[in-house]
Amino acid sequence: MTLPYPDDAAIVSVGERFAARTLPKAEWTHAAHFAAALWLLRCRPELVAEEAMPGMIRRYNEAVGTVNSDSSGYHATITLALLAGLRAFLAERAPDEPLHRLLAAVLDSPLADREWALAYWTRERLFSVAARREWVAPDRGLLPF
């Protein structure tokens, strides 16, 4: 697997530019979402990720011209589920494991599969307006963490 970010400095850069809303929209990839979340969880422990990330995503989206609406932009349930999954993932790893190795492992895990959440939510429930706006519990089974 080719690593999208070869070292910790690259991941820190993504996280900081995301938070500052200076990351170009073209760089806000699937891997960048995970990089920013790992950066937040590991490098900004003074912030509660589940409280900070929603606003950060909304503000970032607005800065790059993405509309946060009932059909696009920020999605609360997916964001909170992935943060919970990342917390569980990090709990099983060494606290000093480099960010780029963590990211590589996450991207190689089921959590990074774009269809991952559909094992726990029906498509209708996961992509409902309610799930986009706030946490909606899974309707297919309990999350594994």
N, C-alpha and C. Protein backbone atom coordinates (compact mmCIF):
# COMPACT_ATOMS: atom_id res chain seq x y z
N MET A 1 0.83 -1.18 0.00
CA MET A 1 0.00 0.00 0.00
C MET A 1 0.88 1.25 0.00
N THR A 2 0.58 2.19 -0.89
CA THR A 2 1.29 3.46 -0.92
C THR A 2 0.69 4.36 0.15
N LEU A 3 1.54 4.87 0.99
CA LEU A 3 1.05 5.72 2.07
C LEU A 3 0.77 7.13 1.55
N PRO A 4 -0.42 7.66 1.84
CA PRO A 4 -0.74 9.01 1.38
C PRO A 4 0.07 10.07 2.11
N TYR A 5 0.52 9.75 3.32
CA TYR A 5 1.30 10.67 4.13
C TYR A 5 2.48 9.88 4.68
N PRO A 6 3.70 10.13 4.18
CA PRO A 6 4.84 9.28 4.50
C PRO A 6 5.44 9.46 5.89
N ASP A 7 5.05 10.53 6.57
CA ASP A 7 5.63 10.75 7.90
C ASP A 7 4.64 11.53 8.77
N ASP A 8 4.97 11.63 10.03
CA ASP A 8 4.08 12.30 10.98
C ASP A 8 3.90 13.77 10.65
N ALA A 9 4.95 14.42 10.16
CA ALA A 9 4.86 15.84 9.84
C ALA A 9 3.79 16.10 8.78
N ALA A 10 3.64 15.20 7.83
CA ALA A 10 2.63 15.36 6.79
C ALA A 10 1.22 15.27 7.38
N ILE A 11 1.04 14.38 8.35
CA ILE A 11 -0.28 14.23 8.99
C ILE A 11 -0.57 15.44 9.87
N VAL A 12 0.41 15.90 10.60
CA VAL A 12 0.23 17.11 11.42
C VAL A 12 -0.13 18.28 10.51
N SER A 13 0.52 18.38 9.37
CA SER A 13 0.21 19.45 8.43
C SER A 13 -1.24 19.38 7.96
N VAL A 14 -1.71 18.20 7.63
CA VAL A 14 -3.11 18.04 7.21
C VAL A 14 -4.04 18.48 8.33
N GLY A 15 -3.78 18.00 9.54
CA GLY A 15 -4.63 18.36 10.67
C GLY A 15 -4.65 19.86 10.93
N GLU A 16 -3.48 20.46 10.93
CA GLU A 16 -3.41 21.90 11.22
C GLU A 16 -4.05 22.73 10.11
N ARG A 17 -3.82 22.35 8.85
CA ARG A 17 -4.43 23.09 7.74
C ARG A 17 -5.93 22.87 7.69
N PHE A 18 -6.39 21.68 8.05
CA PHE A 18 -7.83 21.43 8.15
C PHE A 18 -8.42 22.34 9.22
N ALA A 19 -7.81 22.36 10.40
CA ALA A 19 -8.32 23.18 11.50
C ALA A 19 -8.29 24.67 11.17
N ALA A 20 -7.28 25.09 10.44
CA ALA A 20 -7.15 26.50 10.06
C ALA A 20 -7.98 26.84 8.81
N ARG A 21 -8.58 25.82 8.22
CA ARG A 21 -9.41 25.97 7.02
C ARG A 21 -8.59 26.47 5.82
N THR A 22 -7.33 26.01 5.76
CA THR A 22 -6.47 26.36 4.64
C THR A 22 -6.10 25.16 3.79
N LEU A 23 -6.56 23.98 4.16
CA LEU A 23 -6.32 22.78 3.36
C LEU A 23 -7.14 22.89 2.08
N PRO A 24 -6.51 22.80 0.92
CA PRO A 24 -7.28 22.87 -0.32
C PRO A 24 -8.33 21.76 -0.38
N LYS A 25 -9.47 22.10 -0.93
CA LYS A 25 -10.57 21.14 -1.01
C LYS A 25 -10.13 19.84 -1.71
N ALA A 26 -9.30 19.96 -2.72
CA ALA A 26 -8.82 18.77 -3.45
C ALA A 26 -8.01 17.83 -2.56
N GLU A 27 -7.46 18.35 -1.47
CA GLU A 27 -6.69 17.52 -0.55
C GLU A 27 -7.54 16.92 0.57
N TRP A 28 -8.83 17.26 0.62
CA TRP A 28 -9.73 16.74 1.66
C TRP A 28 -10.28 15.40 1.18
N THR A 29 -9.40 14.43 1.15
CA THR A 29 -9.69 13.09 0.65
C THR A 29 -10.18 12.18 1.79
N HIS A 30 -10.52 10.97 1.42
CA HIS A 30 -10.91 9.96 2.41
C HIS A 30 -9.78 9.77 3.42
N ALA A 31 -8.56 9.64 2.93
CA ALA A 31 -7.40 9.47 3.82
C ALA A 31 -7.20 10.71 4.69
N ALA A 32 -7.43 11.89 4.14
CA ALA A 32 -7.26 13.13 4.91
C ALA A 32 -8.26 13.21 6.06
N HIS A 33 -9.47 12.70 5.86
CA HIS A 33 -10.44 12.67 6.96
C HIS A 33 -9.87 11.88 8.15
N PHE A 34 -9.31 10.72 7.85
CA PHE A 34 -8.73 9.89 8.91
C PHE A 34 -7.48 10.53 9.49
N ALA A 35 -6.67 11.14 8.64
CA ALA A 35 -5.46 11.82 9.13
C ALA A 35 -5.84 12.94 10.09
N ALA A 36 -6.82 13.75 9.73
CA ALA A 36 -7.24 14.86 10.58
C ALA A 36 -7.82 14.35 11.90
N ALA A 37 -8.59 13.28 11.83
CA ALA A 37 -9.17 12.73 13.06
C ALA A 37 -8.08 12.16 13.97
N LEU A 38 -7.12 11.44 13.41
CA LEU A 38 -6.01 10.92 14.21
C LEU A 38 -5.19 12.07 14.81
N TRP A 39 -4.95 13.10 14.02
CA TRP A 39 -4.23 14.28 14.52
C TRP A 39 -4.99 14.88 15.71
N LEU A 40 -6.29 15.03 15.57
CA LEU A 40 -7.09 15.61 16.64
C LEU A 40 -7.03 14.74 17.90
N LEU A 41 -7.18 13.44 17.73
CA LEU A 41 -7.17 12.53 18.88
C LEU A 41 -5.81 12.44 19.55
N ARG A 42 -4.74 12.45 18.76
CA ARG A 42 -3.40 12.27 19.31
C ARG A 42 -2.69 13.57 19.66
N CYS A 43 -2.87 14.60 18.85
CA CYS A 43 -2.07 15.82 19.01
C CYS A 43 -2.80 16.96 19.70
N ARG A 44 -4.10 16.83 19.85
CA ARG A 44 -4.88 17.88 20.51
C ARG A 44 -5.70 17.30 21.66
N PRO A 45 -5.02 16.69 22.63
CA PRO A 45 -5.75 16.01 23.72
C PRO A 45 -6.57 16.97 24.60
N GLU A 46 -6.29 18.26 24.52
CA GLU A 46 -7.07 19.23 25.30
C GLU A 46 -8.47 19.42 24.71
N LEU A 47 -8.69 18.94 23.50
CA LEU A 47 -10.00 19.03 22.86
C LEU A 47 -10.70 17.68 22.94
N VAL A 48 -11.98 17.69 23.16
CA VAL A 48 -12.78 16.47 23.08
C VAL A 48 -13.20 16.34 21.62
N ALA A 49 -12.66 15.36 20.94
CA ALA A 49 -12.85 15.23 19.50
C ALA A 49 -14.33 15.22 19.11
N GLU A 50 -15.14 14.53 19.89
CA GLU A 50 -16.57 14.42 19.55
C GLU A 50 -17.28 15.77 19.66
N GLU A 51 -16.71 16.68 20.44
CA GLU A 51 -17.27 18.03 20.54
C GLU A 51 -16.63 18.97 19.53
N ALA A 52 -15.35 18.82 19.29
CA ALA A 52 -14.62 19.74 18.41
C ALA A 52 -14.80 19.43 16.92
N MET A 53 -14.77 18.17 16.56
CA MET A 53 -14.77 17.80 15.14
C MET A 53 -16.00 18.28 14.38
N PRO A 54 -17.21 18.17 14.91
CA PRO A 54 -18.37 18.63 14.14
C PRO A 54 -18.24 20.09 13.68
N GLY A 55 -17.90 20.97 14.59
CA GLY A 55 -17.74 22.37 14.21
C GLY A 55 -16.59 22.58 13.26
N MET A 56 -15.50 21.85 13.48
CA MET A 56 -14.35 21.97 12.59
C MET A 56 -14.72 21.57 11.16
N ILE A 57 -15.45 20.48 11.03
CA ILE A 57 -15.86 20.03 9.69
C ILE A 57 -16.81 21.03 9.06
N ARG A 58 -17.78 21.49 9.81
CA ARG A 58 -18.73 22.46 9.25
C ARG A 58 -18.02 23.73 8.79
N ARG A 59 -17.13 24.26 9.63
CA ARG A 59 -16.41 25.48 9.26
C ARG A 59 -15.49 25.25 8.07
N TYR A 60 -14.82 24.10 8.05
CA TYR A 60 -13.97 23.78 6.91
C TYR A 60 -14.80 23.71 5.63
N ASN A 61 -15.92 22.99 5.70
CA ASN A 61 -16.79 22.88 4.52
C ASN A 61 -17.19 24.26 4.01
N GLU A 62 -17.61 25.12 4.90
CA GLU A 62 -18.02 26.48 4.49
C GLU A 62 -16.86 27.21 3.84
N ALA A 63 -15.66 27.04 4.37
CA ALA A 63 -14.49 27.74 3.84
C ALA A 63 -14.13 27.29 2.42
N VAL A 64 -14.44 26.04 2.09
CA VAL A 64 -14.10 25.54 0.76
C VAL A 64 -15.30 25.47 -0.17
N GLY A 65 -16.43 26.02 0.26
CA GLY A 65 -17.60 26.10 -0.61
C GLY A 65 -18.49 24.88 -0.60
N THR A 66 -18.34 24.01 0.37
CA THR A 66 -19.23 22.85 0.50
C THR A 66 -20.39 23.23 1.41
N VAL A 67 -21.59 23.02 0.95
CA VAL A 67 -22.77 23.37 1.72
C VAL A 67 -23.03 22.29 2.77
N ASN A 68 -23.27 22.71 4.00
CA ASN A 68 -23.71 21.81 5.06
C ASN A 68 -25.24 21.87 5.05
N SER A 69 -25.85 20.81 4.57
CA SER A 69 -27.31 20.80 4.45
C SER A 69 -27.84 19.42 4.83
N ASP A 70 -29.11 19.23 4.62
CA ASP A 70 -29.72 17.94 4.92
C ASP A 70 -29.34 16.86 3.91
N SER A 71 -28.58 17.24 2.88
CA SER A 71 -28.17 16.25 1.87
C SER A 71 -26.69 16.31 1.51
N SER A 72 -25.94 17.22 2.11
CA SER A 72 -24.52 17.29 1.80
C SER A 72 -23.74 17.89 2.96
N GLY A 73 -22.43 17.76 2.88
CA GLY A 73 -21.57 18.34 3.91
C GLY A 73 -21.49 17.46 5.14
N TYR A 74 -21.45 18.10 6.30
CA TYR A 74 -21.25 17.39 7.57
C TYR A 74 -22.31 16.32 7.80
N HIS A 75 -21.85 15.16 8.31
CA HIS A 75 -22.75 14.05 8.64
C HIS A 75 -22.43 13.60 10.07
N ALA A 76 -23.32 13.91 11.02
CA ALA A 76 -23.06 13.67 12.44
C ALA A 76 -22.84 12.19 12.76
N THR A 77 -23.71 11.33 12.32
CA THR A 77 -23.63 9.92 12.70
C THR A 77 -22.35 9.27 12.18
N ILE A 78 -22.00 9.52 10.94
CA ILE A 78 -20.78 8.94 10.38
C ILE A 78 -19.56 9.48 11.13
N THR A 79 -19.52 10.78 11.36
CA THR A 79 -18.39 11.38 12.07
C THR A 79 -18.22 10.77 13.45
N LEU A 80 -19.29 10.70 14.21
CA LEU A 80 -19.20 10.19 15.59
C LEU A 80 -18.89 8.70 15.62
N ALA A 81 -19.42 7.95 14.67
CA ALA A 81 -19.11 6.51 14.60
C ALA A 81 -17.63 6.29 14.28
N LEU A 82 -17.11 7.06 13.34
CA LEU A 82 -15.70 6.89 13.00
C LEU A 82 -14.79 7.34 14.13
N LEU A 83 -15.14 8.39 14.83
CA LEU A 83 -14.33 8.79 15.99
C LEU A 83 -14.33 7.70 17.06
N ALA A 84 -15.49 7.09 17.30
CA ALA A 84 -15.55 5.99 18.27
C ALA A 84 -14.69 4.82 17.80
N GLY A 85 -14.76 4.52 16.51
CA GLY A 85 -13.93 3.45 15.97
C GLY A 85 -12.45 3.76 16.08
N LEU A 86 -12.08 5.00 15.82
CA LEU A 86 -10.67 5.39 15.94
C LEU A 86 -10.21 5.35 17.39
N ARG A 87 -11.05 5.75 18.32
CA ARG A 87 -10.68 5.66 19.74
C ARG A 87 -10.42 4.20 20.13
N ALA A 88 -11.28 3.30 19.69
CA ALA A 88 -11.10 1.87 19.99
C ALA A 88 -9.82 1.36 19.34
N PHE A 89 -9.57 1.77 18.12
CA PHE A 89 -8.36 1.38 17.41
C PHE A 89 -7.12 1.87 18.17
N LEU A 90 -7.11 3.12 18.58
CA LEU A 90 -5.97 3.69 19.30
C LEU A 90 -5.75 3.02 20.65
N ALA A 91 -6.83 2.59 21.29
CA ALA A 91 -6.71 1.94 22.60
C ALA A 91 -5.92 0.63 22.51
N GLU A 92 -5.88 0.05 21.33
CA GLU A 92 -5.17 -1.22 21.14
C GLU A 92 -3.75 -1.02 20.62
N ARG A 93 -3.34 0.21 20.42
CA ARG A 93 -2.02 0.49 19.86
C ARG A 93 -1.12 1.10 20.92
N ALA A 94 0.16 1.06 20.68
CA ALA A 94 1.13 1.68 21.59
C ALA A 94 0.94 3.20 21.55
N PRO A 95 0.98 3.85 22.71
CA PRO A 95 0.74 5.29 22.75
C PRO A 95 1.79 6.11 22.02
N ASP A 96 2.95 5.52 21.75
CA ASP A 96 4.00 6.25 21.05
C ASP A 96 4.16 5.80 19.59
N GLU A 97 3.21 5.01 19.10
CA GLU A 97 3.29 4.58 17.70
C GLU A 97 3.17 5.79 16.79
N PRO A 98 4.05 5.92 15.81
CA PRO A 98 4.00 7.08 14.92
C PRO A 98 2.67 7.23 14.19
N LEU A 99 2.25 8.46 14.01
CA LEU A 99 0.98 8.75 13.35
C LEU A 99 0.89 8.13 11.96
N HIS A 100 1.96 8.20 11.20
CA HIS A 100 1.88 7.67 9.83
C HIS A 100 1.69 6.17 9.81
N ARG A 101 2.22 5.47 10.81
CA ARG A 101 1.99 4.02 10.89
C ARG A 101 0.55 3.74 11.34
N LEU A 102 0.06 4.53 12.27
CA LEU A 102 -1.33 4.39 12.70
C LEU A 102 -2.27 4.61 11.52
N LEU A 103 -2.02 5.68 10.78
CA LEU A 103 -2.88 5.97 9.63
C LEU A 103 -2.84 4.85 8.61
N ALA A 104 -1.65 4.33 8.33
CA ALA A 104 -1.54 3.22 7.38
C ALA A 104 -2.36 2.02 7.85
N ALA A 105 -2.29 1.72 9.13
CA ALA A 105 -3.04 0.59 9.68
C ALA A 105 -4.55 0.84 9.62
N VAL A 106 -4.96 2.05 9.93
CA VAL A 106 -6.39 2.38 9.86
C VAL A 106 -6.89 2.26 8.42
N LEU A 107 -6.14 2.81 7.49
CA LEU A 107 -6.56 2.77 6.09
C LEU A 107 -6.58 1.35 5.53
N ASP A 108 -5.88 0.45 6.18
CA ASP A 108 -5.87 -0.95 5.78
C ASP A 108 -6.88 -1.78 6.58
N SER A 109 -7.68 -1.12 7.39
CA SER A 109 -8.64 -1.81 8.25
C SER A 109 -10.07 -1.67 7.70
N PRO A 110 -10.99 -2.47 8.20
CA PRO A 110 -12.38 -2.35 7.77
C PRO A 110 -12.97 -0.96 8.05
N LEU A 111 -12.49 -0.27 9.06
CA LEU A 111 -13.01 1.05 9.39
C LEU A 111 -12.89 2.03 8.23
N ALA A 112 -11.89 1.87 7.39
CA ALA A 112 -11.69 2.78 6.27
C ALA A 112 -12.50 2.41 5.03
N ASP A 113 -13.17 1.27 5.07
CA ASP A 113 -14.01 0.87 3.95
C ASP A 113 -15.20 1.83 3.89
N ARG A 114 -15.45 2.41 2.75
CA ARG A 114 -16.53 3.40 2.62
C ARG A 114 -17.91 2.81 2.92
N GLU A 115 -18.02 1.50 2.87
CA GLU A 115 -19.29 0.83 3.15
C GLU A 115 -19.36 0.29 4.58
N TRP A 116 -18.34 0.55 5.38
CA TRP A 116 -18.22 0.02 6.73
C TRP A 116 -19.48 0.22 7.57
N ALA A 117 -20.00 1.41 7.60
CA ALA A 117 -21.13 1.73 8.47
C ALA A 117 -22.40 0.97 8.08
N LEU A 118 -22.48 0.55 6.83
CA LEU A 118 -23.69 -0.16 6.38
C LEU A 118 -23.81 -1.56 6.97
N ALA A 119 -22.79 -2.02 7.65
CA ALA A 119 -22.92 -3.28 8.40
C ALA A 119 -23.72 -3.06 9.68
N TYR A 120 -23.87 -1.81 10.10
CA TYR A 120 -24.53 -1.48 11.37
C TYR A 120 -25.79 -0.64 11.19
N TRP A 121 -25.87 0.08 10.10
CA TRP A 121 -27.03 0.91 9.80
C TRP A 121 -27.59 0.51 8.43
N THR A 122 -28.90 0.53 8.29
CA THR A 122 -29.47 0.40 6.95
C THR A 122 -29.14 1.69 6.21
N ARG A 123 -29.07 1.60 4.91
CA ARG A 123 -28.77 2.77 4.09
C ARG A 123 -29.79 3.89 4.36
N GLU A 124 -31.05 3.52 4.48
CA GLU A 124 -32.10 4.52 4.70
C GLU A 124 -31.89 5.27 6.01
N ARG A 125 -31.55 4.55 7.05
CA ARG A 125 -31.35 5.20 8.35
C ARG A 125 -30.07 6.03 8.37
N LEU A 126 -28.97 5.47 7.84
CA LEU A 126 -27.69 6.16 7.88
C LEU A 126 -27.73 7.45 7.06
N PHE A 127 -28.41 7.44 5.95
CA PHE A 127 -28.44 8.62 5.09
C PHE A 127 -29.71 9.45 5.26
N SER A 128 -30.36 9.26 6.39
CA SER A 128 -31.54 10.07 6.69
C SER A 128 -31.11 11.47 7.14
N VAL A 129 -32.04 12.40 7.06
CA VAL A 129 -31.78 13.77 7.53
C VAL A 129 -31.42 13.74 9.02
N ALA A 130 -32.14 12.94 9.79
CA ALA A 130 -31.88 12.87 11.24
C ALA A 130 -30.44 12.42 11.51
N ALA A 131 -29.95 11.40 10.79
CA ALA A 131 -28.59 10.89 11.01
C ALA A 131 -27.53 11.90 10.57
N ARG A 132 -27.85 12.70 9.58
CA ARG A 132 -26.91 13.73 9.14
C ARG A 132 -26.83 14.84 10.19
N ARG A 133 -27.93 15.14 10.83
CA ARG A 133 -27.98 16.25 11.80
C ARG A 133 -27.45 15.89 13.18
N GLU A 134 -27.70 14.64 13.62
CA GLU A 134 -27.30 14.24 14.97
C GLU A 134 -27.08 12.74 15.02
N TRP A 135 -26.51 12.28 16.13
CA TRP A 135 -26.26 10.85 16.30
C TRP A 135 -27.57 10.07 16.22
N VAL A 136 -27.56 9.04 15.39
CA VAL A 136 -28.67 8.09 15.29
C VAL A 136 -28.07 6.71 15.51
N ALA A 137 -28.60 5.97 16.45
CA ALA A 137 -28.07 4.66 16.79
C ALA A 137 -28.23 3.68 15.63
N PRO A 138 -27.32 2.72 15.54
CA PRO A 138 -27.42 1.70 14.48
C PRO A 138 -28.71 0.90 14.60
N ASP A 139 -29.21 0.45 13.47
CA ASP A 139 -30.43 -0.36 13.47
C ASP A 139 -30.18 -1.78 12.98
N ARG A 140 -28.93 -2.12 12.71
CA ARG A 140 -28.61 -3.49 12.27
C ARG A 140 -27.83 -4.25 13.32
N GLY A 141 -27.38 -3.61 14.34
CA GLY A 141 -26.61 -4.28 15.38
C GLY A 141 -25.71 -3.29 16.08
N LEU A 142 -25.20 -3.72 17.21
CA LEU A 142 -24.32 -2.86 18.01
C LEU A 142 -22.97 -2.70 17.35
N LEU A 143 -22.41 -1.51 17.50
CA LEU A 143 -21.05 -1.29 17.03
C LEU A 143 -20.10 -2.18 17.84
N PRO A 144 -19.01 -2.61 17.23
CA PRO A 144 -18.11 -3.56 17.91
C PRO A 144 -17.18 -2.90 18.93
N PHE A 145 -17.38 -1.66 19.23
CA PHE A 145 -16.51 -0.96 20.18
C PHE A 145 -17.33 -0.07 21.08
